[in-house]
């Protein structure tokens, strides 16, 4: 997947190495109770490139907090409109350890009900990418509508997420969603269409997950 389709475009991809170079803070080793929204908000980096060592350290602290920070981060995610800050929050969900149930549910709800998330190409791209990283089979339901999105990048990232999370039954859904597009384009144009091509790859991947004896092979 091209990184310019995801929150990695904001240079979060290199943070894993940066975090290894920063000592673990005792703040993350305290009682396993949720951290306040105020404290979490202070730690969220605001810089576009996050090159400031202080911001890198703060981000590392958030990652180390794991799901202790999730309640506050989910609340901030629902309130926030700034894409950079939203991408930081989602980055913490991906890179940290803990029960991802609440973050995943929040992303699902925002994609379904929040006007900004439903109309912004950047938000749909980052949401689809994050769900593909921390979600499971049930998150394909949130990705199906994006397969028919007006934006080609959104369609492709969503199809790749479904290919990763789904199974053979999902292949049937993908084919049904893409059928009108294939018919509208016609045989010649459909062969050159990036979405149809990605859809075919997705379907092949999903069907390959089923064993030759009819069972799903162990991962």
N, C-alpha and C. Protein backbone atom coordinates (compact mmCIF):
# COMPACT_ATOMS: atom_id res chain seq x y z
N UNK A 1 0.84 -1.18 0.00
CA UNK A 1 0.00 0.00 0.00
C UNK A 1 0.88 1.24 0.00
N UNK A 2 0.57 2.21 -0.83
CA UNK A 2 1.36 3.42 -0.86
C UNK A 2 1.10 4.22 0.40
N UNK A 3 2.17 4.69 1.02
CA UNK A 3 2.01 5.39 2.29
C UNK A 3 1.33 6.73 2.14
N UNK A 4 1.29 7.33 0.94
CA UNK A 4 0.62 8.60 0.82
C UNK A 4 -0.88 8.44 0.87
N UNK A 5 -1.38 7.22 0.98
CA UNK A 5 -2.80 6.98 1.15
C UNK A 5 -3.19 6.94 2.62
N UNK A 6 -2.24 7.04 3.51
CA UNK A 6 -2.52 6.78 4.92
C UNK A 6 -1.94 7.84 5.81
N UNK A 7 -2.19 7.68 7.13
CA UNK A 7 -1.64 8.63 8.08
C UNK A 7 -0.13 8.57 8.12
N UNK A 8 0.49 7.53 7.48
CA UNK A 8 1.95 7.45 7.42
C UNK A 8 2.54 8.62 6.63
N UNK A 9 1.69 9.28 5.82
CA UNK A 9 2.12 10.45 5.07
C UNK A 9 2.59 11.54 6.02
N UNK A 10 2.15 11.51 7.26
CA UNK A 10 2.53 12.53 8.24
C UNK A 10 3.75 12.09 9.04
N UNK A 11 4.51 11.18 8.47
CA UNK A 11 5.79 10.74 9.04
C UNK A 11 5.62 9.96 10.33
N UNK A 12 4.50 9.29 10.50
CA UNK A 12 4.36 8.43 11.66
C UNK A 12 5.08 7.12 11.46
N UNK A 13 5.36 6.79 10.20
CA UNK A 13 5.98 5.51 9.93
C UNK A 13 7.32 5.35 10.61
N UNK A 14 8.07 6.45 10.75
CA UNK A 14 9.39 6.35 11.35
C UNK A 14 9.38 6.44 12.86
N UNK A 15 8.20 6.58 13.44
CA UNK A 15 8.14 6.77 14.88
C UNK A 15 8.48 5.52 15.66
N UNK A 16 8.25 4.36 15.06
CA UNK A 16 8.55 3.13 15.79
C UNK A 16 10.01 3.11 16.22
N UNK A 17 10.90 3.50 15.29
CA UNK A 17 12.32 3.54 15.62
C UNK A 17 12.60 4.64 16.64
N UNK A 18 11.96 5.81 16.44
CA UNK A 18 12.20 6.92 17.36
C UNK A 18 11.79 6.55 18.77
N UNK A 19 10.67 5.83 18.89
CA UNK A 19 10.17 5.46 20.21
C UNK A 19 11.12 4.51 20.92
N UNK A 20 11.83 3.70 20.14
CA UNK A 20 12.78 2.77 20.75
C UNK A 20 13.97 3.50 21.36
N UNK A 21 14.23 4.69 20.85
CA UNK A 21 15.38 5.44 21.32
C UNK A 21 15.07 6.30 22.54
N UNK A 22 13.78 6.32 22.95
CA UNK A 22 13.36 7.14 24.07
C UNK A 22 13.09 6.25 25.26
N UNK A 23 13.59 6.58 26.44
CA UNK A 23 13.38 5.73 27.62
C UNK A 23 11.91 5.58 27.93
N UNK A 24 11.54 4.48 28.53
CA UNK A 24 10.18 4.29 28.99
C UNK A 24 9.97 5.13 30.24
N UNK A 25 8.84 5.81 30.30
CA UNK A 25 8.59 6.72 31.40
C UNK A 25 7.82 6.01 32.50
N UNK A 26 8.13 6.38 33.73
CA UNK A 26 7.44 5.78 34.85
C UNK A 26 5.94 6.09 34.82
N UNK A 27 5.58 7.19 34.13
CA UNK A 27 4.18 7.57 33.99
C UNK A 27 3.34 6.43 33.43
N UNK A 28 3.95 5.64 32.55
CA UNK A 28 3.21 4.55 31.91
C UNK A 28 3.19 3.29 32.76
N UNK A 29 3.91 3.31 33.87
CA UNK A 29 4.03 2.10 34.68
C UNK A 29 3.23 2.15 35.98
N UNK A 30 2.37 3.17 36.11
CA UNK A 30 1.58 3.34 37.31
C UNK A 30 0.38 2.42 37.32
N UNK A 31 -0.57 2.70 38.24
CA UNK A 31 -1.79 1.89 38.33
C UNK A 31 -2.52 1.86 36.99
N UNK A 32 -3.17 0.75 36.72
CA UNK A 32 -3.82 0.58 35.42
C UNK A 32 -5.19 1.25 35.41
N UNK A 33 -5.20 2.55 35.66
CA UNK A 33 -6.44 3.31 35.60
C UNK A 33 -6.37 4.28 34.43
N UNK A 34 -7.50 4.66 33.86
CA UNK A 34 -7.48 5.57 32.71
C UNK A 34 -6.79 6.89 33.05
N UNK A 35 -6.13 7.43 32.04
CA UNK A 35 -5.46 8.72 32.18
C UNK A 35 -6.45 9.81 31.80
N UNK A 36 -6.38 10.94 32.46
CA UNK A 36 -7.35 12.01 32.24
C UNK A 36 -7.26 12.56 30.83
N UNK A 37 -8.37 13.08 30.38
CA UNK A 37 -8.45 13.69 29.05
C UNK A 37 -7.49 14.88 28.96
N UNK A 38 -7.38 15.65 30.03
CA UNK A 38 -6.49 16.81 30.04
C UNK A 38 -5.03 16.38 29.86
N UNK A 39 -4.63 15.34 30.56
CA UNK A 39 -3.25 14.86 30.46
C UNK A 39 -2.95 14.30 29.07
N UNK A 40 -3.88 13.53 28.55
CA UNK A 40 -3.69 12.96 27.22
C UNK A 40 -3.62 14.06 26.17
N UNK A 41 -4.49 15.05 26.29
CA UNK A 41 -4.50 16.16 25.34
C UNK A 41 -3.16 16.90 25.33
N UNK A 42 -2.56 17.06 26.49
CA UNK A 42 -1.26 17.73 26.57
C UNK A 42 -0.17 16.96 25.84
N UNK A 43 -0.30 15.64 25.81
CA UNK A 43 0.72 14.81 25.19
C UNK A 43 0.57 14.68 23.67
N UNK A 44 -0.58 15.04 23.14
CA UNK A 44 -0.82 14.89 21.71
C UNK A 44 0.00 15.90 20.91
N UNK A 45 0.90 15.45 20.04
CA UNK A 45 1.70 16.37 19.23
C UNK A 45 0.82 17.11 18.22
N UNK A 46 1.12 18.38 17.99
CA UNK A 46 0.36 19.20 17.05
C UNK A 46 1.14 19.54 15.79
N UNK A 47 2.45 19.33 15.80
CA UNK A 47 3.27 19.68 14.65
C UNK A 47 3.00 18.79 13.45
N UNK A 48 3.10 19.38 12.26
CA UNK A 48 2.82 18.62 11.03
C UNK A 48 3.78 17.46 10.86
N UNK A 49 5.08 17.71 11.02
CA UNK A 49 6.09 16.69 10.77
C UNK A 49 6.58 15.99 12.04
N UNK A 50 6.19 16.51 13.20
CA UNK A 50 6.59 15.94 14.48
C UNK A 50 8.10 15.70 14.55
N UNK A 51 8.86 16.75 14.25
CA UNK A 51 10.32 16.66 14.30
C UNK A 51 10.87 17.13 15.63
N UNK A 52 10.07 17.82 16.41
CA UNK A 52 10.49 18.31 17.72
C UNK A 52 10.70 17.12 18.65
N UNK A 53 11.87 16.99 19.25
CA UNK A 53 12.13 15.86 20.17
C UNK A 53 11.12 15.76 21.30
N UNK A 54 10.63 16.91 21.77
CA UNK A 54 9.63 16.90 22.84
C UNK A 54 8.34 16.25 22.37
N UNK A 55 7.94 16.56 21.14
CA UNK A 55 6.72 15.95 20.60
C UNK A 55 6.89 14.46 20.39
N UNK A 56 8.07 14.05 19.94
CA UNK A 56 8.34 12.63 19.76
C UNK A 56 8.27 11.91 21.11
N UNK A 57 8.83 12.55 22.14
CA UNK A 57 8.81 11.96 23.48
C UNK A 57 7.39 11.86 24.01
N UNK A 58 6.60 12.91 23.79
CA UNK A 58 5.21 12.90 24.25
C UNK A 58 4.41 11.81 23.54
N UNK A 59 4.63 11.67 22.24
CA UNK A 59 3.94 10.64 21.48
C UNK A 59 4.31 9.25 22.00
N UNK A 60 5.60 9.07 22.31
CA UNK A 60 6.06 7.80 22.86
C UNK A 60 5.38 7.50 24.19
N UNK A 61 5.19 8.51 25.00
CA UNK A 61 4.51 8.32 26.29
C UNK A 61 3.07 7.86 26.06
N UNK A 62 2.41 8.45 25.09
CA UNK A 62 1.04 8.04 24.79
C UNK A 62 0.99 6.58 24.35
N UNK A 63 1.92 6.21 23.48
CA UNK A 63 1.97 4.82 23.02
C UNK A 63 2.21 3.87 24.19
N UNK A 64 3.10 4.25 25.09
CA UNK A 64 3.42 3.40 26.23
C UNK A 64 2.25 3.26 27.20
N UNK A 65 1.39 4.25 27.24
CA UNK A 65 0.22 4.19 28.11
C UNK A 65 -0.77 3.11 27.68
N UNK A 66 -0.75 2.75 26.42
CA UNK A 66 -1.65 1.71 25.93
C UNK A 66 -3.10 2.08 26.13
N UNK A 67 -3.92 1.09 26.52
CA UNK A 67 -5.36 1.36 26.60
C UNK A 67 -5.76 2.20 27.81
N UNK A 68 -4.80 2.55 28.66
CA UNK A 68 -5.10 3.51 29.73
C UNK A 68 -5.49 4.86 29.13
N UNK A 69 -4.94 5.16 27.95
CA UNK A 69 -5.22 6.44 27.30
C UNK A 69 -6.43 6.37 26.36
N UNK A 70 -6.94 5.17 26.10
CA UNK A 70 -7.98 5.02 25.08
C UNK A 70 -9.27 5.78 25.39
N UNK A 71 -9.80 5.74 26.62
CA UNK A 71 -11.05 6.49 26.87
C UNK A 71 -10.93 7.96 26.52
N UNK A 72 -9.83 8.59 26.94
CA UNK A 72 -9.63 10.01 26.64
C UNK A 72 -9.39 10.23 25.15
N UNK A 73 -8.62 9.35 24.53
CA UNK A 73 -8.34 9.49 23.09
C UNK A 73 -9.61 9.33 22.26
N UNK A 74 -10.47 8.40 22.66
CA UNK A 74 -11.73 8.22 21.94
C UNK A 74 -12.59 9.48 22.05
N UNK A 75 -12.64 10.04 23.24
CA UNK A 75 -13.41 11.27 23.44
C UNK A 75 -12.86 12.41 22.59
N UNK A 76 -11.55 12.54 22.56
CA UNK A 76 -10.91 13.58 21.74
C UNK A 76 -11.13 13.32 20.26
N UNK A 77 -11.11 12.05 19.86
CA UNK A 77 -11.32 11.70 18.46
C UNK A 77 -12.69 12.15 17.99
N UNK A 78 -13.69 11.96 18.82
CA UNK A 78 -15.06 12.34 18.46
C UNK A 78 -15.19 13.86 18.35
N UNK A 79 -14.48 14.58 19.19
CA UNK A 79 -14.59 16.05 19.23
C UNK A 79 -13.75 16.74 18.16
N UNK A 80 -12.64 16.12 17.78
CA UNK A 80 -11.63 16.79 16.97
C UNK A 80 -12.03 16.90 15.50
N UNK A 81 -11.64 18.01 14.86
CA UNK A 81 -11.85 18.23 13.44
C UNK A 81 -10.53 18.35 12.68
N UNK A 82 -9.45 18.58 13.41
CA UNK A 82 -8.14 18.77 12.78
C UNK A 82 -7.56 17.43 12.36
N UNK A 83 -7.29 17.29 11.07
CA UNK A 83 -6.82 16.02 10.54
C UNK A 83 -5.48 15.58 11.14
N UNK A 84 -4.60 16.53 11.37
CA UNK A 84 -3.28 16.18 11.92
C UNK A 84 -3.43 15.55 13.30
N UNK A 85 -4.24 16.18 14.14
CA UNK A 85 -4.43 15.65 15.50
C UNK A 85 -5.17 14.32 15.45
N UNK A 86 -6.16 14.21 14.58
CA UNK A 86 -6.88 12.95 14.43
C UNK A 86 -5.92 11.84 14.01
N UNK A 87 -5.02 12.16 13.09
CA UNK A 87 -4.06 11.15 12.63
C UNK A 87 -3.12 10.71 13.75
N UNK A 88 -2.79 11.65 14.66
CA UNK A 88 -1.96 11.29 15.81
C UNK A 88 -2.71 10.30 16.72
N UNK A 89 -3.97 10.61 16.97
CA UNK A 89 -4.78 9.73 17.83
C UNK A 89 -4.87 8.34 17.22
N UNK A 90 -5.16 8.28 15.94
CA UNK A 90 -5.27 6.98 15.27
C UNK A 90 -3.93 6.26 15.25
N UNK A 91 -2.85 7.03 15.13
CA UNK A 91 -1.52 6.44 15.17
C UNK A 91 -1.24 5.76 16.50
N UNK A 92 -1.67 6.38 17.58
CA UNK A 92 -1.49 5.78 18.91
C UNK A 92 -2.28 4.47 19.00
N UNK A 93 -3.49 4.46 18.48
CA UNK A 93 -4.29 3.24 18.50
C UNK A 93 -3.57 2.10 17.77
N UNK A 94 -2.93 2.41 16.67
CA UNK A 94 -2.24 1.39 15.88
C UNK A 94 -0.97 0.91 16.58
N UNK A 95 -0.19 1.84 17.12
CA UNK A 95 1.14 1.49 17.63
C UNK A 95 1.15 0.99 19.08
N UNK A 96 0.10 1.26 19.82
CA UNK A 96 0.07 0.90 21.24
C UNK A 96 -0.53 -0.48 21.45
N UNK A 97 -0.36 -1.00 22.66
CA UNK A 97 -0.91 -2.29 23.03
C UNK A 97 -2.14 -2.09 23.92
N UNK A 98 -3.11 -2.97 23.77
CA UNK A 98 -4.30 -2.88 24.61
C UNK A 98 -5.53 -3.36 23.87
N UNK A 99 -6.64 -3.32 24.55
CA UNK A 99 -7.93 -3.74 24.00
C UNK A 99 -8.42 -2.66 23.04
N UNK A 100 -8.51 -2.99 21.75
CA UNK A 100 -8.87 -2.00 20.73
C UNK A 100 -10.38 -1.86 20.51
N UNK A 101 -11.18 -2.49 21.32
CA UNK A 101 -12.62 -2.50 21.10
C UNK A 101 -13.20 -1.10 21.03
N UNK A 102 -12.90 -0.26 22.02
CA UNK A 102 -13.46 1.09 22.06
C UNK A 102 -12.99 1.95 20.88
N UNK A 103 -11.69 1.96 20.57
CA UNK A 103 -11.25 2.73 19.40
C UNK A 103 -11.91 2.28 18.10
N UNK A 104 -12.01 0.97 17.90
CA UNK A 104 -12.62 0.45 16.68
C UNK A 104 -14.08 0.87 16.58
N UNK A 105 -14.81 0.75 17.68
CA UNK A 105 -16.21 1.14 17.68
C UNK A 105 -16.38 2.62 17.39
N UNK A 106 -15.48 3.43 17.92
CA UNK A 106 -15.53 4.87 17.68
C UNK A 106 -15.33 5.19 16.20
N UNK A 107 -14.36 4.52 15.58
CA UNK A 107 -14.09 4.75 14.15
C UNK A 107 -15.29 4.31 13.32
N UNK A 108 -15.87 3.17 13.65
CA UNK A 108 -17.06 2.69 12.93
C UNK A 108 -18.18 3.72 13.01
N UNK A 109 -18.44 4.22 14.22
CA UNK A 109 -19.53 5.17 14.42
C UNK A 109 -19.28 6.48 13.67
N UNK A 110 -18.04 6.95 13.70
CA UNK A 110 -17.72 8.20 13.01
C UNK A 110 -17.88 8.06 11.50
N UNK A 111 -17.48 6.94 10.95
CA UNK A 111 -17.66 6.71 9.51
C UNK A 111 -19.13 6.66 9.12
N UNK A 112 -19.95 6.19 10.05
CA UNK A 112 -21.37 6.02 9.75
C UNK A 112 -22.19 7.30 10.00
N UNK A 113 -21.82 8.09 11.01
CA UNK A 113 -22.70 9.17 11.44
C UNK A 113 -22.09 10.57 11.36
N UNK A 114 -20.76 10.70 11.32
CA UNK A 114 -20.14 12.00 11.36
C UNK A 114 -19.99 12.56 9.94
N UNK A 115 -20.55 13.73 9.71
CA UNK A 115 -20.55 14.32 8.37
C UNK A 115 -19.15 14.56 7.85
N UNK A 116 -18.25 15.01 8.74
CA UNK A 116 -16.88 15.29 8.32
C UNK A 116 -16.18 14.01 7.88
N UNK A 117 -16.32 12.96 8.64
CA UNK A 117 -15.69 11.69 8.31
C UNK A 117 -16.32 11.08 7.05
N UNK A 118 -17.60 11.29 6.86
CA UNK A 118 -18.29 10.68 5.72
C UNK A 118 -17.98 11.38 4.40
N UNK A 119 -17.55 12.66 4.47
CA UNK A 119 -17.34 13.42 3.24
C UNK A 119 -15.87 13.71 2.94
N UNK A 120 -15.01 13.65 3.94
CA UNK A 120 -13.60 13.97 3.74
C UNK A 120 -12.84 12.76 3.20
N UNK A 121 -12.19 12.95 2.06
CA UNK A 121 -11.39 11.87 1.48
C UNK A 121 -10.28 11.45 2.44
N UNK A 122 -9.62 12.43 3.05
CA UNK A 122 -8.52 12.10 3.97
C UNK A 122 -9.01 11.28 5.16
N UNK A 123 -10.18 11.64 5.68
CA UNK A 123 -10.70 10.91 6.84
C UNK A 123 -11.08 9.48 6.45
N UNK A 124 -11.70 9.32 5.29
CA UNK A 124 -12.08 7.96 4.86
C UNK A 124 -10.84 7.11 4.58
N UNK A 125 -9.81 7.71 4.03
CA UNK A 125 -8.58 6.98 3.76
C UNK A 125 -7.92 6.50 5.05
N UNK A 126 -7.77 7.42 6.00
CA UNK A 126 -7.09 7.05 7.24
C UNK A 126 -7.93 6.07 8.04
N UNK A 127 -9.25 6.22 8.03
CA UNK A 127 -10.12 5.30 8.77
C UNK A 127 -10.03 3.89 8.19
N UNK A 128 -10.07 3.79 6.87
CA UNK A 128 -9.98 2.47 6.23
C UNK A 128 -8.63 1.82 6.52
N UNK A 129 -7.58 2.61 6.48
CA UNK A 129 -6.25 2.07 6.73
C UNK A 129 -6.11 1.58 8.18
N UNK A 130 -6.61 2.37 9.13
CA UNK A 130 -6.48 2.00 10.54
C UNK A 130 -7.33 0.77 10.85
N UNK A 131 -8.55 0.72 10.32
CA UNK A 131 -9.39 -0.46 10.55
C UNK A 131 -8.71 -1.71 10.02
N UNK A 132 -8.02 -1.59 8.89
CA UNK A 132 -7.34 -2.76 8.33
C UNK A 132 -6.19 -3.22 9.21
N UNK A 133 -5.67 -2.32 10.05
CA UNK A 133 -4.55 -2.66 10.92
C UNK A 133 -4.98 -3.18 12.28
N UNK A 134 -6.05 -2.63 12.84
CA UNK A 134 -6.44 -3.02 14.21
C UNK A 134 -7.80 -3.70 14.27
N UNK A 135 -8.49 -3.80 13.12
CA UNK A 135 -9.82 -4.39 13.11
C UNK A 135 -9.81 -5.89 12.90
N UNK A 136 -11.02 -6.42 12.69
CA UNK A 136 -11.16 -7.85 12.42
C UNK A 136 -12.23 -8.04 11.34
N UNK A 137 -12.66 -9.28 11.16
CA UNK A 137 -13.59 -9.62 10.09
C UNK A 137 -14.84 -8.72 10.11
N UNK A 138 -15.34 -8.41 11.29
CA UNK A 138 -16.57 -7.63 11.38
C UNK A 138 -16.41 -6.21 10.85
N UNK A 139 -15.20 -5.72 10.77
CA UNK A 139 -14.98 -4.36 10.28
C UNK A 139 -15.11 -4.25 8.76
N UNK A 140 -15.23 -5.37 8.10
CA UNK A 140 -15.51 -5.31 6.66
C UNK A 140 -16.84 -4.59 6.41
N UNK A 141 -17.77 -4.69 7.36
CA UNK A 141 -19.05 -3.99 7.20
C UNK A 141 -18.87 -2.49 7.09
N UNK A 142 -17.86 -1.95 7.76
CA UNK A 142 -17.58 -0.52 7.67
C UNK A 142 -16.85 -0.15 6.39
N UNK A 143 -16.18 -1.14 5.80
CA UNK A 143 -15.40 -0.90 4.59
C UNK A 143 -16.20 -1.07 3.31
N UNK A 144 -17.23 -1.90 3.34
CA UNK A 144 -18.03 -2.13 2.13
C UNK A 144 -18.54 -0.84 1.50
N UNK A 145 -19.14 0.09 2.27
CA UNK A 145 -19.64 1.33 1.63
C UNK A 145 -18.54 2.13 0.94
N UNK A 146 -17.32 2.03 1.45
CA UNK A 146 -16.22 2.79 0.88
C UNK A 146 -15.74 2.21 -0.45
N UNK A 147 -16.08 0.96 -0.71
CA UNK A 147 -15.71 0.34 -1.99
C UNK A 147 -16.46 1.01 -3.14
N UNK A 148 -17.59 1.63 -2.83
CA UNK A 148 -18.37 2.34 -3.85
C UNK A 148 -18.19 3.85 -3.75
N UNK A 149 -17.16 4.30 -3.04
CA UNK A 149 -16.92 5.73 -2.86
C UNK A 149 -16.58 6.40 -4.19
N UNK A 150 -16.78 7.73 -4.24
CA UNK A 150 -16.48 8.48 -5.46
C UNK A 150 -14.97 8.59 -5.71
N UNK A 151 -14.17 8.44 -4.65
CA UNK A 151 -12.73 8.61 -4.78
C UNK A 151 -12.04 7.26 -5.00
N UNK A 152 -11.20 7.20 -6.02
CA UNK A 152 -10.55 5.93 -6.36
C UNK A 152 -9.62 5.44 -5.26
N UNK A 153 -8.88 6.35 -4.65
CA UNK A 153 -7.96 5.93 -3.58
C UNK A 153 -8.70 5.32 -2.40
N UNK A 154 -9.85 5.91 -2.07
CA UNK A 154 -10.67 5.37 -0.98
C UNK A 154 -11.13 3.96 -1.33
N UNK A 155 -11.57 3.78 -2.56
CA UNK A 155 -12.03 2.45 -2.99
C UNK A 155 -10.92 1.42 -2.88
N UNK A 156 -9.73 1.78 -3.34
CA UNK A 156 -8.63 0.83 -3.36
C UNK A 156 -8.15 0.48 -1.95
N UNK A 157 -8.00 1.50 -1.08
CA UNK A 157 -7.56 1.23 0.29
C UNK A 157 -8.59 0.36 1.01
N UNK A 158 -9.86 0.60 0.76
CA UNK A 158 -10.92 -0.19 1.39
C UNK A 158 -10.89 -1.64 0.91
N UNK A 159 -10.68 -1.83 -0.37
CA UNK A 159 -10.59 -3.19 -0.90
C UNK A 159 -9.40 -3.94 -0.31
N UNK A 160 -8.31 -3.25 -0.11
CA UNK A 160 -7.14 -3.89 0.48
C UNK A 160 -7.39 -4.25 1.94
N UNK A 161 -8.15 -3.41 2.62
CA UNK A 161 -8.51 -3.72 4.00
C UNK A 161 -9.40 -4.95 4.08
N UNK A 162 -10.37 -5.04 3.18
CA UNK A 162 -11.26 -6.20 3.15
C UNK A 162 -10.48 -7.46 2.82
N UNK A 163 -9.54 -7.35 1.88
CA UNK A 163 -8.71 -8.51 1.53
C UNK A 163 -7.94 -9.01 2.73
N UNK A 164 -7.53 -8.11 3.59
CA UNK A 164 -6.76 -8.49 4.77
C UNK A 164 -7.64 -9.08 5.87
N UNK A 165 -8.81 -8.49 6.08
CA UNK A 165 -9.65 -8.86 7.22
C UNK A 165 -10.71 -9.91 6.90
N UNK A 166 -11.10 -10.03 5.63
CA UNK A 166 -12.28 -10.80 5.28
C UNK A 166 -12.04 -12.27 5.00
N UNK A 167 -13.12 -12.92 4.51
CA UNK A 167 -13.08 -14.33 4.15
C UNK A 167 -13.84 -14.53 2.84
N UNK A 168 -14.12 -15.77 2.50
CA UNK A 168 -14.74 -16.06 1.20
C UNK A 168 -16.12 -15.41 1.07
N UNK A 169 -16.86 -15.32 2.16
CA UNK A 169 -18.17 -14.66 2.09
C UNK A 169 -18.03 -13.19 1.72
N UNK A 170 -16.96 -12.58 2.16
CA UNK A 170 -16.71 -11.18 1.81
C UNK A 170 -16.46 -11.02 0.32
N UNK A 171 -15.89 -12.04 -0.30
CA UNK A 171 -15.65 -11.98 -1.75
C UNK A 171 -16.95 -11.82 -2.51
N UNK A 172 -17.99 -12.49 -2.05
CA UNK A 172 -19.30 -12.37 -2.70
C UNK A 172 -19.83 -10.95 -2.58
N UNK A 173 -19.65 -10.34 -1.40
CA UNK A 173 -20.11 -8.97 -1.19
C UNK A 173 -19.35 -8.00 -2.09
N UNK A 174 -18.05 -8.18 -2.18
CA UNK A 174 -17.23 -7.29 -3.00
C UNK A 174 -17.66 -7.38 -4.46
N UNK A 175 -17.87 -8.57 -4.96
CA UNK A 175 -18.30 -8.73 -6.35
C UNK A 175 -19.65 -8.06 -6.59
N UNK A 176 -20.55 -8.17 -5.63
CA UNK A 176 -21.87 -7.55 -5.77
C UNK A 176 -21.77 -6.03 -5.78
N UNK A 177 -20.89 -5.49 -4.95
CA UNK A 177 -20.73 -4.03 -4.90
C UNK A 177 -20.13 -3.50 -6.20
N UNK A 178 -19.19 -4.24 -6.77
CA UNK A 178 -18.50 -3.77 -7.97
C UNK A 178 -19.24 -4.11 -9.26
N UNK A 179 -20.25 -4.95 -9.19
CA UNK A 179 -20.97 -5.36 -10.39
C UNK A 179 -21.55 -4.18 -11.17
N UNK A 180 -22.23 -3.22 -10.52
CA UNK A 180 -22.76 -2.08 -11.28
C UNK A 180 -21.67 -1.26 -11.97
N UNK A 181 -20.54 -1.11 -11.30
CA UNK A 181 -19.44 -0.36 -11.90
C UNK A 181 -18.90 -1.10 -13.13
N UNK A 182 -18.74 -2.39 -12.99
CA UNK A 182 -18.26 -3.19 -14.12
C UNK A 182 -19.21 -3.09 -15.31
N UNK A 183 -20.51 -3.15 -15.03
CA UNK A 183 -21.52 -3.08 -16.10
C UNK A 183 -21.53 -1.70 -16.75
N UNK A 184 -21.39 -0.66 -15.93
CA UNK A 184 -21.39 0.70 -16.45
C UNK A 184 -20.19 0.96 -17.35
N UNK A 185 -19.04 0.44 -16.96
CA UNK A 185 -17.82 0.67 -17.73
C UNK A 185 -17.79 -0.12 -19.02
N UNK A 186 -18.35 -1.32 -18.99
CA UNK A 186 -18.26 -2.19 -20.15
C UNK A 186 -16.99 -3.02 -20.10
N UNK A 187 -16.92 -4.09 -20.86
CA UNK A 187 -15.79 -5.03 -20.79
C UNK A 187 -14.42 -4.39 -21.04
N UNK A 188 -14.34 -3.51 -22.03
CA UNK A 188 -13.04 -2.93 -22.39
C UNK A 188 -12.52 -2.00 -21.32
N UNK A 189 -13.37 -1.07 -20.88
CA UNK A 189 -12.95 -0.10 -19.87
C UNK A 189 -12.73 -0.78 -18.51
N UNK A 190 -13.52 -1.79 -18.22
CA UNK A 190 -13.38 -2.48 -16.93
C UNK A 190 -12.01 -3.12 -16.80
N UNK A 191 -11.45 -3.58 -17.90
CA UNK A 191 -10.13 -4.21 -17.87
C UNK A 191 -9.04 -3.20 -17.50
N UNK A 192 -9.29 -1.91 -17.78
CA UNK A 192 -8.29 -0.87 -17.50
C UNK A 192 -8.59 -0.12 -16.20
N UNK A 193 -9.67 -0.46 -15.53
CA UNK A 193 -10.08 0.27 -14.35
C UNK A 193 -9.34 -0.21 -13.11
N UNK A 194 -8.72 0.72 -12.37
CA UNK A 194 -7.92 0.37 -11.20
C UNK A 194 -8.77 -0.25 -10.09
N UNK A 195 -9.98 0.23 -9.93
CA UNK A 195 -10.86 -0.30 -8.88
C UNK A 195 -11.27 -1.73 -9.18
N UNK A 196 -11.64 -1.99 -10.43
CA UNK A 196 -12.02 -3.35 -10.82
C UNK A 196 -10.83 -4.29 -10.67
N UNK A 197 -9.66 -3.81 -11.06
CA UNK A 197 -8.45 -4.63 -10.93
C UNK A 197 -8.18 -4.95 -9.46
N UNK A 198 -8.27 -3.94 -8.60
CA UNK A 198 -8.04 -4.17 -7.17
C UNK A 198 -9.11 -5.08 -6.58
N UNK A 199 -10.33 -4.93 -7.09
CA UNK A 199 -11.41 -5.79 -6.63
C UNK A 199 -11.16 -7.25 -6.97
N UNK A 200 -10.63 -7.49 -8.16
CA UNK A 200 -10.32 -8.86 -8.55
C UNK A 200 -9.21 -9.44 -7.68
N UNK A 201 -8.22 -8.63 -7.36
CA UNK A 201 -7.15 -9.08 -6.46
C UNK A 201 -7.72 -9.40 -5.08
N UNK A 202 -8.61 -8.55 -4.63
CA UNK A 202 -9.24 -8.75 -3.32
C UNK A 202 -10.00 -10.07 -3.29
N UNK A 203 -10.81 -10.30 -4.30
CA UNK A 203 -11.61 -11.52 -4.37
C UNK A 203 -10.72 -12.75 -4.41
N UNK A 204 -9.65 -12.71 -5.20
CA UNK A 204 -8.73 -13.85 -5.28
C UNK A 204 -8.09 -14.12 -3.92
N UNK A 205 -7.69 -13.06 -3.24
CA UNK A 205 -7.08 -13.21 -1.91
C UNK A 205 -8.05 -13.82 -0.92
N UNK A 206 -9.27 -13.34 -0.93
CA UNK A 206 -10.28 -13.84 0.01
C UNK A 206 -10.60 -15.32 -0.26
N UNK A 207 -10.72 -15.68 -1.50
CA UNK A 207 -11.04 -17.07 -1.83
C UNK A 207 -9.87 -18.00 -1.58
N UNK A 208 -8.66 -17.46 -1.66
CA UNK A 208 -7.48 -18.29 -1.39
C UNK A 208 -7.37 -18.65 0.09
N UNK A 209 -8.08 -17.92 0.95
CA UNK A 209 -8.04 -18.21 2.38
C UNK A 209 -8.78 -19.49 2.72
N UNK A 210 -9.64 -19.94 1.82
CA UNK A 210 -10.39 -21.17 2.08
C UNK A 210 -9.57 -22.37 1.64
N UNK A 211 -9.46 -23.36 2.51
CA UNK A 211 -8.69 -24.56 2.21
C UNK A 211 -9.36 -25.39 1.13
N UNK A 212 -8.60 -26.24 0.50
CA UNK A 212 -9.12 -27.10 -0.56
C UNK A 212 -10.14 -28.11 -0.05
N UNK A 213 -10.14 -28.35 1.28
CA UNK A 213 -11.10 -29.31 1.83
C UNK A 213 -12.38 -28.61 2.30
N UNK A 214 -12.47 -27.29 1.99
CA UNK A 214 -13.67 -26.56 2.36
C UNK A 214 -13.55 -25.83 3.67
N UNK A 215 -12.43 -26.02 4.37
CA UNK A 215 -12.24 -25.34 5.64
C UNK A 215 -11.34 -24.13 5.45
N UNK A 216 -11.37 -23.21 6.39
CA UNK A 216 -10.50 -22.05 6.35
C UNK A 216 -9.18 -22.39 7.00
N UNK A 217 -8.07 -22.25 6.29
CA UNK A 217 -6.79 -22.63 6.85
C UNK A 217 -6.44 -21.77 8.05
N UNK A 218 -5.69 -22.34 9.00
CA UNK A 218 -5.27 -21.59 10.16
C UNK A 218 -4.26 -20.55 9.75
N UNK A 219 -4.34 -19.38 10.44
CA UNK A 219 -3.42 -18.28 10.13
C UNK A 219 -2.07 -18.52 10.81
